[in-house]
Amino acid sequence: MPRSRNGRDNQVSLRSMVRMRSLSRVVLVAALAFVAVPALDAVGANEARADEAPIEVGTQLVATQDVTLHRAEIQKGSRVSVTKLSQRSGRVEGVHVALADGHVVKVPMGFVHTYFRVAE
């Protein structure tokens, strides 16, 4: 194995460089997290999302982007109405929504929080 000028082998110096780089990565990730979280909160602060308002039967939901529900294309801004809540262990796990054509589709709450907001 070749030796460097100061007598240390190349593996030791390579190991040192990797440690320095990983330390700088940790510092960079921490700095980005510190800045990114408040920035994301500020961007979505004025929009009432589906996870902030209570969802009950009769609640109108508005699509925040184009989405497909069981072959039905829902365009951004379209409204659907909640017809039934699906509960398990006292927690709402999904909702049944009525589409404009009369079909009723079951939608998990994670999907609702991602693609819909409560109509004002």
PDB file of N, CA and C in Angstrom:
ATOM      1  N   MET A   1       0.831  -1.170   0.000  1.00  0.00           N
ATOM      2  CA  MET A   1       0.000   0.000   0.000  1.00  0.00           C
ATOM      3  C   MET A   1       0.885   1.245   0.000  1.00  0.00           C
ATOM      4  N   PRO A   2       0.617   2.220  -0.850  1.00  0.00           N
ATOM      5  CA  PRO A   2       1.475   3.405  -0.890  1.00  0.00           C
ATOM      6  C   PRO A   2       1.284   4.262   0.354  1.00  0.00           C
ATOM      7  N   ARG A   3       2.371   4.888   0.764  1.00  0.00           N
ATOM      8  CA  ARG A   3       2.362   5.774   1.935  1.00  0.00           C
ATOM      9  C   ARG A   3       2.333   7.224   1.480  1.00  0.00           C
ATOM     10  N   SER A   4       1.679   8.080   2.268  1.00  0.00           N
ATOM     11  CA  SER A   4       1.699   9.502   1.968  1.00  0.00           C
ATOM     12  C   SER A   4       2.975  10.113   2.523  1.00  0.00           C
ATOM     13  N   ARG A   5       3.200  11.393   2.248  1.00  0.00           N
ATOM     14  CA  ARG A   5       4.452  12.046   2.637  1.00  0.00           C
ATOM     15  C   ARG A   5       4.648  12.085   4.143  1.00  0.00           C
ATOM     16  N   ASN A   6       3.568  12.279   4.904  1.00  0.00           N
ATOM     17  CA  ASN A   6       3.735  12.392   6.353  1.00  0.00           C
ATOM     18  C   ASN A   6       3.703  11.034   7.057  1.00  0.00           C
ATOM     19  N   GLY A   7       3.684   9.943   6.344  1.00  0.00           N
ATOM     20  CA  GLY A   7       3.788   8.630   6.943  1.00  0.00           C
ATOM     21  C   GLY A   7       2.451   7.949   7.207  1.00  0.00           C
ATOM     22  N   ARG A   8       1.333   8.634   7.030  1.00  0.00           N
ATOM     23  CA  ARG A   8       0.024   8.003   7.240  1.00  0.00           C
ATOM     24  C   ARG A   8      -0.391   7.299   5.955  1.00  0.00           C
ATOM     25  N   ASP A   9      -1.046   6.191   6.081  1.00  0.00           N
ATOM     26  CA  ASP A   9      -1.479   5.526   4.858  1.00  0.00           C
ATOM     27  C   ASP A   9      -2.707   6.226   4.279  1.00  0.00           C
ATOM     28  N   ASN A  10      -2.972   5.972   3.013  1.00  0.00           N
ATOM     29  CA  ASN A  10      -4.043   6.666   2.290  1.00  0.00           C
ATOM     30  C   ASN A  10      -5.423   6.329   2.832  1.00  0.00           C
ATOM     31  N   GLN A  11      -5.605   5.131   3.379  1.00  0.00           N
ATOM     32  CA  GLN A  11      -6.920   4.764   3.904  1.00  0.00           C
ATOM     33  C   GLN A  11      -7.300   5.630   5.086  1.00  0.00           C
ATOM     34  N   VAL A  12      -6.350   5.938   5.943  1.00  0.00           N
ATOM     35  CA  VAL A  12      -6.648   6.762   7.105  1.00  0.00           C
ATOM     36  C   VAL A  12      -7.057   8.164   6.672  1.00  0.00           C
ATOM     37  N   SER A  13      -6.349   8.747   5.713  1.00  0.00           N
ATOM     38  CA  SER A  13      -6.712  10.098   5.270  1.00  0.00           C
ATOM     39  C   SER A  13      -8.051  10.081   4.536  1.00  0.00           C
ATOM     40  N   LEU A  14      -8.332   9.025   3.780  1.00  0.00           N
ATOM     41  CA  LEU A  14      -9.631   8.911   3.114  1.00  0.00           C
ATOM     42  C   LEU A  14     -10.744   8.811   4.146  1.00  0.00           C
ATOM     43  N   ARG A  15     -10.506   8.025   5.214  1.00  0.00           N
ATOM     44  CA  ARG A  15     -11.491   7.911   6.277  1.00  0.00           C
ATOM     45  C   ARG A  15     -11.744   9.269   6.930  1.00  0.00           C
ATOM     46  N   SER A  16     -10.712  10.054   7.112  1.00  0.00           N
ATOM     47  CA  SER A  16     -10.856  11.384   7.715  1.00  0.00           C
ATOM     48  C   SER A  16     -11.687  12.295   6.831  1.00  0.00           C
ATOM     49  N   MET A  17     -11.457  12.234   5.502  1.00  0.00           N
ATOM     50  CA  MET A  17     -12.219  13.078   4.589  1.00  0.00           C
ATOM     51  C   MET A  17     -13.693  12.695   4.595  1.00  0.00           C
ATOM     52  N   VAL A  18     -13.988  11.408   4.646  1.00  0.00           N
ATOM     53  CA  VAL A  18     -15.379  10.960   4.663  1.00  0.00           C
ATOM     54  C   VAL A  18     -16.060  11.439   5.939  1.00  0.00           C
ATOM     55  N   ARG A  19     -15.362  11.384   7.063  1.00  0.00           N
ATOM     56  CA  ARG A  19     -15.939  11.868   8.313  1.00  0.00           C
ATOM     57  C   ARG A  19     -16.260  13.356   8.238  1.00  0.00           C
ATOM     58  N   MET A  20     -15.363  14.129   7.679  1.00  0.00           N
ATOM     59  CA  MET A  20     -15.600  15.567   7.561  1.00  0.00           C
ATOM     60  C   MET A  20     -16.795  15.832   6.660  1.00  0.00           C
ATOM     61  N   ARG A  21     -16.883  15.096   5.583  1.00  0.00           N
ATOM     62  CA  ARG A  21     -18.002  15.320   4.669  1.00  0.00           C
ATOM     63  C   ARG A  21     -19.322  14.940   5.327  1.00  0.00           C
ATOM     64  N   SER A  22     -19.342  13.850   6.077  1.00  0.00           N
ATOM     65  CA  SER A  22     -20.600  13.453   6.714  1.00  0.00           C
ATOM     66  C   SER A  22     -20.995  14.453   7.793  1.00  0.00           C
ATOM     67  N   LEU A  23     -20.018  15.034   8.494  1.00  0.00           N
ATOM     68  CA  LEU A  23     -20.329  16.061   9.483  1.00  0.00           C
ATOM     69  C   LEU A  23     -20.921  17.287   8.812  1.00  0.00           C
ATOM     70  N   SER A  24     -20.346  17.692   7.679  1.00  0.00           N
ATOM     71  CA  SER A  24     -20.889  18.856   6.977  1.00  0.00           C
ATOM     72  C   SER A  24     -22.281  18.561   6.432  1.00  0.00           C
ATOM     73  N   ARG A  25     -22.549  17.311   6.049  1.00  0.00           N
ATOM     74  CA  ARG A  25     -23.893  16.946   5.586  1.00  0.00           C
ATOM     75  C   ARG A  25     -24.909  17.068   6.713  1.00  0.00           C
ATOM     76  N   VAL A  26     -24.528  16.620   7.889  1.00  0.00           N
ATOM     77  CA  VAL A  26     -25.429  16.710   9.042  1.00  0.00           C
ATOM     78  C   VAL A  26     -25.746  18.162   9.343  1.00  0.00           C
ATOM     79  N   VAL A  27     -24.729  19.019   9.304  1.00  0.00           N
ATOM     80  CA  VAL A  27     -24.947  20.441   9.561  1.00  0.00           C
ATOM     81  C   VAL A  27     -25.842  21.042   8.483  1.00  0.00           C
ATOM     82  N   LEU A  28     -25.622  20.674   7.230  1.00  0.00           N
ATOM     83  CA  LEU A  28     -26.440  21.182   6.131  1.00  0.00           C
ATOM     84  C   LEU A  28     -27.888  20.726   6.265  1.00  0.00           C
ATOM     85  N   VAL A  29     -28.105  19.464   6.574  1.00  0.00           N
ATOM     86  CA  VAL A  29     -29.471  18.944   6.729  1.00  0.00           C
ATOM     87  C   VAL A  29     -30.178  19.641   7.885  1.00  0.00           C
ATOM     88  N   ALA A  30     -29.481  19.835   8.993  1.00  0.00           N
ATOM     89  CA  ALA A  30     -30.082  20.517  10.141  1.00  0.00           C
ATOM     90  C   ALA A  30     -30.447  21.950   9.790  1.00  0.00           C
ATOM     91  N   ALA A  31     -29.574  22.640   9.065  1.00  0.00           N
ATOM     92  CA  ALA A  31     -29.858  24.027   8.668  1.00  0.00           C
ATOM     93  C   ALA A  31     -31.057  24.093   7.729  1.00  0.00           C
ATOM     94  N   LEU A  32     -31.118  23.185   6.768  1.00  0.00           N
ATOM     95  CA  LEU A  32     -32.256  23.168   5.842  1.00  0.00           C
ATOM     96  C   LEU A  32     -33.560  22.861   6.563  1.00  0.00           C
ATOM     97  N   ALA A  33     -33.529  21.934   7.501  1.00  0.00           N
ATOM     98  CA  ALA A  33     -34.736  21.609   8.255  1.00  0.00           C
ATOM     99  C   ALA A  33     -35.188  22.802   9.081  1.00  0.00           C
ATOM    100  N   PHE A  34     -34.246  23.509   9.633  1.00  0.00           N
ATOM    101  CA  PHE A  34     -34.566  24.680  10.456  1.00  0.00           C
ATOM    102  C   PHE A  34     -35.234  25.768   9.623  1.00  0.00           C
ATOM    103  N   VAL A  35     -34.827  25.905   8.366  1.00  0.00           N
ATOM    104  CA  VAL A  35     -35.375  26.935   7.484  1.00  0.00           C
ATOM    105  C   VAL A  35     -36.632  26.453   6.761  1.00  0.00           C
ATOM    106  N   ALA A  36     -36.657  25.177   6.342  1.00  0.00           N
ATOM    107  CA  ALA A  36     -37.729  24.676   5.486  1.00  0.00           C
ATOM    108  C   ALA A  36     -39.058  24.530   6.217  1.00  0.00           C
ATOM    109  N   VAL A  37     -39.052  24.088   7.446  1.00  0.00           N
ATOM    110  CA  VAL A  37     -40.309  23.844   8.160  1.00  0.00           C
ATOM    111  C   VAL A  37     -41.116  25.134   8.336  1.00  0.00           C
ATOM    112  N   PRO A  38     -40.534  26.234   8.843  1.00  0.00           N
ATOM    113  CA  PRO A  38     -41.323  27.471   8.930  1.00  0.00           C
ATOM    114  C   PRO A  38     -41.752  28.002   7.564  1.00  0.00           C
ATOM    115  N   ALA A  39     -40.922  27.796   6.540  1.00  0.00           N
ATOM    116  CA  ALA A  39     -41.274  28.271   5.203  1.00  0.00           C
ATOM    117  C   ALA A  39     -42.485  27.514   4.669  1.00  0.00           C
ATOM    118  N   LEU A  40     -42.545  26.207   4.882  1.00  0.00           N
ATOM    119  CA  LEU A  40     -43.701  25.433   4.423  1.00  0.00           C
ATOM    120  C   LEU A  40     -44.965  25.829   5.170  1.00  0.00           C
ATOM    121  N   ASP A  41     -44.859  26.103   6.452  1.00  0.00           N
ATOM    122  CA  ASP A  41     -46.020  26.557   7.212  1.00  0.00           C
ATOM    123  C   ASP A  41     -46.517  27.905   6.709  1.00  0.00           C
ATOM    124  N   ALA A  42     -45.612  28.792   6.360  1.00  0.00           N
ATOM    125  CA  ALA A  42     -45.996  30.122   5.883  1.00  0.00           C
ATOM    126  C   ALA A  42     -46.686  30.047   4.532  1.00  0.00           C
ATOM    127  N   VAL A  43     -46.251  29.129   3.667  1.00  0.00           N
ATOM    128  CA  VAL A  43     -46.843  29.004   2.336  1.00  0.00           C
ATOM    129  C   VAL A  43     -48.284  28.531   2.423  1.00  0.00           C
ATOM    130  N   GLY A  44     -48.576  27.556   3.265  1.00  0.00           N
ATOM    131  CA  GLY A  44     -49.920  26.997   3.338  1.00  0.00           C
ATOM    132  C   GLY A  44     -50.773  27.580   4.443  1.00  0.00           C
ATOM    133  N   ALA A  45     -50.378  28.682   5.039  1.00  0.00           N
ATOM    134  CA  ALA A  45     -51.086  29.220   6.197  1.00  0.00           C
ATOM    135  C   ALA A  45     -52.465  29.776   5.845  1.00  0.00           C
ATOM    136  N   ASN A  46     -52.625  30.326   4.648  1.00  0.00           N
ATOM    137  CA  ASN A  46     -53.893  30.973   4.326  1.00  0.00           C
ATOM    138  C   ASN A  46     -54.897  30.032   3.671  1.00  0.00           C
ATOM    139  N   GLU A  47     -54.536  28.799   3.423  1.00  0.00           N
ATOM    140  CA  GLU A  47     -55.438  27.848   2.786  1.00  0.00           C
ATOM    141  C   GLU A  47     -56.019  26.907   3.835  1.00  0.00           C
ATOM    142  N   ALA A  48     -57.344  26.815   3.901  1.00  0.00           N
ATOM    143  CA  ALA A  48     -57.993  25.913   4.851  1.00  0.00           C
ATOM    144  C   ALA A  48     -57.955  24.505   4.274  1.00  0.00           C
ATOM    145  N   ARG A  49     -57.141  23.651   4.844  1.00  0.00           N
ATOM    146  CA  ARG A  49     -57.016  22.290   4.344  1.00  0.00           C
ATOM    147  C   ARG A  49     -58.040  21.387   5.008  1.00  0.00           C
ATOM    148  N   ALA A  50     -58.245  20.216   4.418  1.00  0.00           N
ATOM    149  CA  ALA A  50     -59.240  19.274   4.928  1.00  0.00           C
ATOM    150  C   ALA A  50     -58.858  18.740   6.299  1.00  0.00           C
ATOM    151  N   ASP A  51     -57.577  18.773   6.666  1.00  0.00           N
ATOM    152  CA  ASP A  51     -57.176  18.246   7.963  1.00  0.00           C
ATOM    153  C   ASP A  51     -57.358  19.258   9.087  1.00  0.00           C
ATOM    154  N   GLU A  52     -57.644  20.520   8.775  1.00  0.00           N
ATOM    155  CA  GLU A  52     -57.806  21.549   9.796  1.00  0.00           C
ATOM    156  C   GLU A  52     -59.265  21.724  10.222  1.00  0.00           C
ATOM    157  N   ALA A  53     -60.192  21.487   9.343  1.00  0.00           N
ATOM    158  CA  ALA A  53     -61.603  21.661   9.649  1.00  0.00           C
ATOM    159  C   ALA A  53     -62.236  20.288   9.871  1.00  0.00           C
ATOM    160  N   PRO A  54     -63.225  20.204  10.754  1.00  0.00           N
ATOM    161  CA  PRO A  54     -63.876  18.909  10.982  1.00  0.00           C
ATOM    162  C   PRO A  54     -64.663  18.478   9.742  1.00  0.00           C
ATOM    163  N   ILE A  55     -64.562  17.212   9.426  1.00  0.00           N
ATOM    164  CA  ILE A  55     -65.292  16.670   8.280  1.00  0.00           C
ATOM    165  C   ILE A  55     -66.439  15.844   8.816  1.00  0.00           C
ATOM    166  N   GLU A  56     -67.635  16.213   8.402  1.00  0.00           N
ATOM    167  CA  GLU A  56     -68.858  15.535   8.818  1.00  0.00           C
ATOM    168  C   GLU A  56     -69.672  15.199   7.579  1.00  0.00           C
ATOM    169  N   VAL A  57     -70.736  14.453   7.755  1.00  0.00           N
ATOM    170  CA  VAL A  57     -71.642  14.158   6.650  1.00  0.00           C
ATOM    171  C   VAL A  57     -72.240  15.473   6.165  1.00  0.00           C
ATOM    172  N   GLY A  58     -72.209  15.690   4.863  1.00  0.00           N
ATOM    173  CA  GLY A  58     -72.712  16.923   4.277  1.00  0.00           C
ATOM    174  C   GLY A  58     -71.627  17.953   3.991  1.00  0.00           C
ATOM    175  N   THR A  59     -70.422  17.722   4.471  1.00  0.00           N
ATOM    176  CA  THR A  59     -69.319  18.653   4.224  1.00  0.00           C
ATOM    177  C   THR A  59     -68.971  18.659   2.745  1.00  0.00           C
ATOM    178  N   GLN A  60     -68.779  19.841   2.194  1.00  0.00           N
ATOM    179  CA  GLN A  60     -68.355  19.986   0.806  1.00  0.00           C
ATOM    180  C   GLN A  60     -66.834  20.045   0.761  1.00  0.00           C
ATOM    181  N   LEU A  61     -66.221  19.225  -0.087  1.00  0.00           N
ATOM    182  CA  LEU A  61     -64.775  19.226  -0.278  1.00  0.00           C
ATOM    183  C   LEU A  61     -64.465  19.752  -1.671  1.00  0.00           C
ATOM    184  N   VAL A  62     -63.386  20.527  -1.792  1.00  0.00           N
ATOM    185  CA  VAL A  62     -62.952  21.080  -3.069  1.00  0.00           C
ATOM    186  C   VAL A  62     -61.598  20.473  -3.416  1.00  0.00           C
ATOM    187  N   ALA A  63     -61.461  19.993  -4.653  1.00  0.00           N
ATOM    188  CA  ALA A  63     -60.199  19.396  -5.099  1.00  0.00           C
ATOM    189  C   ALA A  63     -59.138  20.481  -5.243  1.00  0.00           C
ATOM    190  N   THR A  64     -57.953  20.250  -4.655  1.00  0.00           N
ATOM    191  CA  THR A  64     -56.861  21.220  -4.739  1.00  0.00           C
ATOM    192  C   THR A  64     -55.990  20.985  -5.975  1.00  0.00           C
ATOM    193  N   GLN A  65     -56.159  19.850  -6.633  1.00  0.00           N
ATOM    194  CA  GLN A  65     -55.475  19.547  -7.880  1.00  0.00           C
ATOM    195  C   GLN A  65     -56.243  18.451  -8.605  1.00  0.00           C
ATOM    196  N   ASP A  66     -55.931  18.230  -9.869  1.00  0.00           N
ATOM    197  CA  ASP A  66     -56.600  17.183 -10.637  1.00  0.00           C
ATOM    198  C   ASP A  66     -56.303  15.828 -10.002  1.00  0.00           C
ATOM    199  N   VAL A  67     -57.350  15.012  -9.852  1.00  0.00           N
ATOM    200  CA  VAL A  67     -57.202  13.722  -9.189  1.00  0.00           C
ATOM    201  C   VAL A  67     -58.181  12.726  -9.809  1.00  0.00           C
ATOM    202  N   THR A  68     -57.842  11.437  -9.735  1.00  0.00           N
ATOM    203  CA  THR A  68     -58.711  10.371 -10.246  1.00  0.00           C
ATOM    204  C   THR A  68     -59.221   9.545  -9.074  1.00  0.00           C
ATOM    205  N   LEU A  69     -60.546   9.396  -8.986  1.00  0.00           N
ATOM    206  CA  LEU A  69     -61.189   8.569  -7.961  1.00  0.00           C
ATOM    207  C   LEU A  69     -61.940   7.450  -8.659  1.00  0.00           C
ATOM    208  N   HIS A  70     -61.435   6.251  -8.588  1.00  0.00           N
ATOM    209  CA  HIS A  70     -62.093   5.076  -9.192  1.00  0.00           C
ATOM    210  C   HIS A  70     -62.579   5.358 -10.607  1.00  0.00           C
ATOM    211  N   ARG A  71     -61.670   5.711 -11.473  1.00  0.00           N
ATOM    212  CA  ARG A  71     -61.918   6.004 -12.892  1.00  0.00           C
ATOM    213  C   ARG A  71     -62.623   7.333 -13.135  1.00  0.00           C
ATOM    214  N   ALA A  72     -62.996   8.052 -12.126  1.00  0.00           N
ATOM    215  CA  ALA A  72     -63.645   9.354 -12.307  1.00  0.00           C
ATOM    216  C   ALA A  72     -62.576  10.437 -12.198  1.00  0.00           C
ATOM    217  N   GLU A  73     -62.508  11.299 -13.193  1.00  0.00           N
ATOM    218  CA  GLU A  73     -61.541  12.392 -13.205  1.00  0.00           C
ATOM    219  C   GLU A  73     -62.155  13.602 -12.501  1.00  0.00           C
ATOM    220  N   ILE A  74     -61.518  14.044 -11.425  1.00  0.00           N
ATOM    221  CA  ILE A  74     -61.966  15.223 -10.679  1.00  0.00           C
ATOM    222  C   ILE A  74     -60.977  16.334 -10.988  1.00  0.00           C
ATOM    223  N   GLN A  75     -61.459  17.445 -11.526  1.00  0.00           N
ATOM    224  CA  GLN A  75     -60.578  18.555 -11.859  1.00  0.00           C
ATOM    225  C   GLN A  75     -60.399  19.482 -10.669  1.00  0.00           C
ATOM    226  N   LYS A  76     -59.295  20.198 -10.667  1.00  0.00           N
ATOM    227  CA  LYS A  76     -58.997  21.151  -9.610  1.00  0.00           C
ATOM    228  C   LYS A  76     -60.157  22.143  -9.497  1.00  0.00           C
ATOM    229  N   GLY A  77     -60.631  22.368  -8.272  1.00  0.00           N
ATOM    230  CA  GLY A  77     -61.742  23.292  -8.036  1.00  0.00           C
ATOM    231  C   GLY A  77     -63.109  22.623  -8.009  1.00  0.00           C
ATOM    232  N   SER A  78     -63.196  21.354  -8.441  1.00  0.00           N
ATOM    233  CA  SER A  78     -64.471  20.638  -8.421  1.00  0.00           C
ATOM    234  C   SER A  78     -64.860  20.297  -6.991  1.00  0.00           C
ATOM    235  N   ARG A  79     -66.160  20.225  -6.745  1.00  0.00           N
ATOM    236  CA  ARG A  79     -66.671  19.939  -5.404  1.00  0.00           C
ATOM    237  C   ARG A  79     -67.267  18.545  -5.341  1.00  0.00           C
ATOM    238  N   VAL A  80     -67.062  17.904  -4.185  1.00  0.00           N
ATOM    239  CA  VAL A  80     -67.709  16.636  -3.876  1.00  0.00           C
ATOM    240  C   VAL A  80     -68.314  16.776  -2.496  1.00  0.00           C
ATOM    241  N   SER A  81     -69.310  15.951  -2.202  1.00  0.00           N
ATOM    242  CA  SER A  81     -70.008  16.028  -0.922  1.00  0.00           C
ATOM    243  C   SER A  81     -69.804  14.743  -0.130  1.00  0.00           C
ATOM    244  N   VAL A  82     -69.513  14.874   1.161  1.00  0.00           N
ATOM    245  CA  VAL A  82     -69.327  13.715   2.034  1.00  0.00           C
ATOM    246  C   VAL A  82     -70.699  13.148   2.378  1.00  0.00           C
ATOM    247  N   THR A  83     -70.885  11.841   2.112  1.00  0.00           N
ATOM    248  CA  THR A  83     -72.170  11.196   2.392  1.00  0.00           C
ATOM    249  C   THR A  83     -72.112  10.253   3.590  1.00  0.00           C
ATOM    250  N   LYS A  84     -70.907   9.767   3.928  1.00  0.00           N
ATOM    251  CA  LYS A  84     -70.775   8.815   5.031  1.00  0.00           C
ATOM    252  C   LYS A  84     -69.342   8.847   5.552  1.00  0.00           C
ATOM    253  N   LEU A  85     -69.191   8.659   6.868  1.00  0.00           N
ATOM    254  CA  LEU A  85     -67.875   8.558   7.484  1.00  0.00           C
ATOM    255  C   LEU A  85     -67.586   7.090   7.792  1.00  0.00           C
ATOM    256  N   SER A  86     -66.391   6.629   7.452  1.00  0.00           N
ATOM    257  CA  SER A  86     -65.969   5.263   7.787  1.00  0.00           C
ATOM    258  C   SER A  86     -65.090   5.345   9.020  1.00  0.00           C
ATOM    259  N   GLN A  87     -65.561   4.719  10.114  1.00  0.00           N
ATOM    260  CA  GLN A  87     -64.825   4.800  11.371  1.00  0.00           C
ATOM    261  C   GLN A  87     -64.330   3.428  11.797  1.00  0.00           C
ATOM    262  N   ARG A  88     -63.184   3.431  12.471  1.00  0.00           N
ATOM    263  CA  ARG A  88     -62.635   2.218  13.051  1.00  0.00           C
ATOM    264  C   ARG A  88     -61.971   2.612  14.369  1.00  0.00           C
ATOM    265  N   SER A  89     -62.384   1.979  15.436  1.00  0.00           N
ATOM    266  CA  SER A  89     -61.856   2.263  16.781  1.00  0.00           C
ATOM    267  C   SER A  89     -62.038   3.724  17.159  1.00  0.00           C
ATOM    268  N   GLY A  90     -63.159   4.306  16.767  1.00  0.00           N
ATOM    269  CA  GLY A  90     -63.452   5.688  17.121  1.00  0.00           C
ATOM    270  C   GLY A  90     -62.746   6.729  16.285  1.00  0.00           C
ATOM    271  N   ARG A  91     -61.980   6.305  15.295  1.00  0.00           N
ATOM    272  CA  ARG A  91     -61.247   7.227  14.426  1.00  0.00           C
ATOM    273  C   ARG A  91     -61.815   7.177  13.021  1.00  0.00           C
ATOM    274  N   VAL A  92     -61.931   8.331  12.384  1.00  0.00           N
ATOM    275  CA  VAL A  92     -62.401   8.378  11.001  1.00  0.00           C
ATOM    276  C   VAL A  92     -61.254   7.958  10.102  1.00  0.00           C
ATOM    277  N   GLU A  93     -61.434   6.854   9.379  1.00  0.00           N
ATOM    278  CA  GLU A  93     -60.385   6.346   8.497  1.00  0.00           C
ATOM    279  C   GLU A  93     -60.638   6.673   7.036  1.00  0.00           C
ATOM    280  N   GLY A  94     -61.866   7.041   6.718  1.00  0.00           N
ATOM    281  CA  GLY A  94     -62.185   7.368   5.339  1.00  0.00           C
ATOM    282  C   GLY A  94     -63.559   7.994   5.245  1.00  0.00           C
ATOM    283  N   VAL A  95     -63.872   8.494   4.068  1.00  0.00           N
ATOM    284  CA  VAL A  95     -65.189   9.087   3.834  1.00  0.00           C
ATOM    285  C   VAL A  95     -65.730   8.563   2.512  1.00  0.00           C
ATOM    286  N   HIS A  96     -67.032   8.538   2.420  1.00  0.00           N
ATOM    287  CA  HIS A  96     -67.704   8.240   1.166  1.00  0.00           C
ATOM    288  C   HIS A  96     -68.125   9.581   0.588  1.00  0.00           C
ATOM    289  N   VAL A  97     -67.760   9.834  -0.668  1.00  0.00           N
ATOM    290  CA  VAL A  97     -68.105  11.104  -1.298  1.00  0.00           C
ATOM    291  C   VAL A  97     -68.991  10.860  -2.506  1.00  0.00           C
ATOM    292  N   ALA A  98     -69.936  11.771  -2.706  1.00  0.00           N
ATOM    293  CA  ALA A  98     -70.825  11.706  -3.862  1.00  0.00           C
ATOM    294  C   ALA A  98     -70.234  12.571  -4.968  1.00  0.00           C
ATOM    295  N   LEU A  99     -70.053  11.963  -6.136  1.00  0.00           N
ATOM    296  CA  LEU A  99     -69.528  12.691  -7.289  1.00  0.00           C
ATOM    297  C   LEU A  99     -70.668  13.369  -8.037  1.00  0.00           C
ATOM    298  N   ALA A 100     -70.327  14.216  -8.974  1.00  0.00           N
ATOM    299  CA  ALA A 100     -71.337  14.971  -9.722  1.00  0.00           C
ATOM    300  C   ALA A 100     -72.279  14.065 -10.511  1.00  0.00           C
ATOM    301  N   ASP A 101     -71.795  12.891 -10.959  1.00  0.00           N
ATOM    302  CA  ASP A 101     -72.644  11.985 -11.744  1.00  0.00           C
ATOM    303  C   ASP A 101     -73.489  11.064 -10.876  1.00  0.00           C
ATOM    304  N   GLY A 102     -73.411  11.209  -9.542  1.00  0.00           N
ATOM    305  CA  GLY A 102     -74.223  10.423  -8.639  1.00  0.00           C
ATOM    306  C   GLY A 102     -73.523   9.228  -8.020  1.00  0.00           C
ATOM    307  N   HIS A 103     -72.384   8.849  -8.542  1.00  0.00           N
ATOM    308  CA  HIS A 103     -71.639   7.734  -7.959  1.00  0.00           C
ATOM    309  C   HIS A 103     -71.087   8.111  -6.599  1.00  0.00           C
ATOM    310  N   VAL A 104     -71.031   7.126  -5.703  1.00  0.00           N
ATOM    311  CA  VAL A 104     -70.463   7.323  -4.374  1.00  0.00           C
ATOM    312  C   VAL A 104     -69.184   6.505  -4.292  1.00  0.00           C
ATOM    313  N   VAL A 105     -68.097   7.143  -3.853  1.00  0.00           N
ATOM    314  CA  VAL A 105     -66.783   6.519  -3.823  1.00  0.00           C
ATOM    315  C   VAL A 105     -66.203   6.641  -2.417  1.00  0.00           C
ATOM    316  N   LYS A 106     -65.596   5.545  -1.920  1.00  0.00           N
ATOM    317  CA  LYS A 106     -64.924   5.580  -0.620  1.00  0.00           C
ATOM    318  C   LYS A 106     -63.500   6.102  -0.818  1.00  0.00           C
ATOM    319  N   VAL A 107     -63.113   7.078   0.018  1.00  0.00           N
ATOM    320  CA  VAL A 107     -61.805   7.706  -0.097  1.00  0.00           C
ATOM    321  C   VAL A 107     -61.130   7.673   1.271  1.00  0.00           C
ATOM    322  N   PRO A 108     -59.885   7.172   1.370  1.00  0.00           N
ATOM    323  CA  PRO A 108     -59.180   7.186   2.653  1.00  0.00           C
ATOM    324  C   PRO A 108     -58.845   8.616   3.081  1.00  0.00           C
ATOM    325  N   MET A 109     -58.730   8.839   4.391  1.00  0.00           N
ATOM    326  CA  MET A 109     -58.491  10.185   4.913  1.00  0.00           C
ATOM    327  C   MET A 109     -57.152  10.758   4.445  1.00  0.00           C
ATOM    328  N   GLY A 110     -56.145   9.939   4.290  1.00  0.00           N
ATOM    329  CA  GLY A 110     -54.866  10.436   3.787  1.00  0.00           C
ATOM    330  C   GLY A 110     -55.007  11.048   2.407  1.00  0.00           C
ATOM    331  N   PHE A 111     -55.833  10.438   1.583  1.00  0.00           N
ATOM    332  CA  PHE A 111     -56.106  10.949   0.241  1.00  0.00           C
ATOM    333  C   PHE A 111     -56.876  12.256   0.327  1.00  0.00           C
ATOM    334  N   VAL A 112     -57.846  12.322   1.245  1.00  0.00           N
ATOM    335  CA  VAL A 112     -58.643  13.548   1.430  1.00  0.00           C
ATOM    336  C   VAL A 112     -57.741  14.691   1.852  1.00  0.00           C
ATOM    337  N   HIS A 113     -56.844  14.451   2.827  1.00  0.00           N
ATOM    338  CA  HIS A 113     -55.953  15.497   3.317  1.00  0.00           C
ATOM    339  C   HIS A 113     -54.988  15.985   2.234  1.00  0.00           C
ATOM    340  N   THR A 114     -54.613  15.087   1.323  1.00  0.00           N
ATOM    341  CA  THR A 114     -53.657  15.432   0.276  1.00  0.00           C
ATOM    342  C   THR A 114     -54.297  16.206  -0.862  1.00  0.00           C
ATOM    343  N   TYR A 115     -55.470  15.800  -1.303  1.00  0.00           N
ATOM    344  CA  TYR A 115     -56.029  16.325  -2.548  1.00  0.00           C
ATOM    345  C   TYR A 115     -57.268  17.209  -2.386  1.00  0.00           C
ATOM    346  N   PHE A 116     -57.767  17.385  -1.171  1.00  0.00           N
ATOM    347  CA  PHE A 116     -58.981  18.172  -0.986  1.00  0.00           C
ATOM    348  C   PHE A 116     -58.835  19.161   0.161  1.00  0.00           C
ATOM    349  N   ARG A 117     -59.664  20.189   0.140  1.00  0.00           N
ATOM    350  CA  ARG A 117     -59.802  21.111   1.258  1.00  0.00           C
ATOM    351  C   ARG A 117     -61.294  21.303   1.501  1.00  0.00           C
ATOM    352  N   VAL A 118     -61.655  21.726   2.700  1.00  0.00           N
ATOM    353  CA  VAL A 118     -63.052  21.947   3.030  1.00  0.00           C
ATOM    354  C   VAL A 118     -63.514  23.234   2.361  1.00  0.00           C
ATOM    355  N   ALA A 119     -64.664  23.172   1.693  1.00  0.00           N
ATOM    356  CA  ALA A 119     -65.208  24.358   1.025  1.00  0.00           C
ATOM    357  C   ALA A 119     -65.649  25.384   2.070  1.00  0.00           C
ATOM    358  N   GLU A 120     -65.479  26.626   1.724  1.00  0.00           N
ATOM    359  CA  GLU A 120     -65.840  27.717   2.646  1.00  0.00           C
ATOM    360  C   GLU A 120     -67.293  28.107   2.511  1.00  0.00           C
TER     361      GLU A 120
END
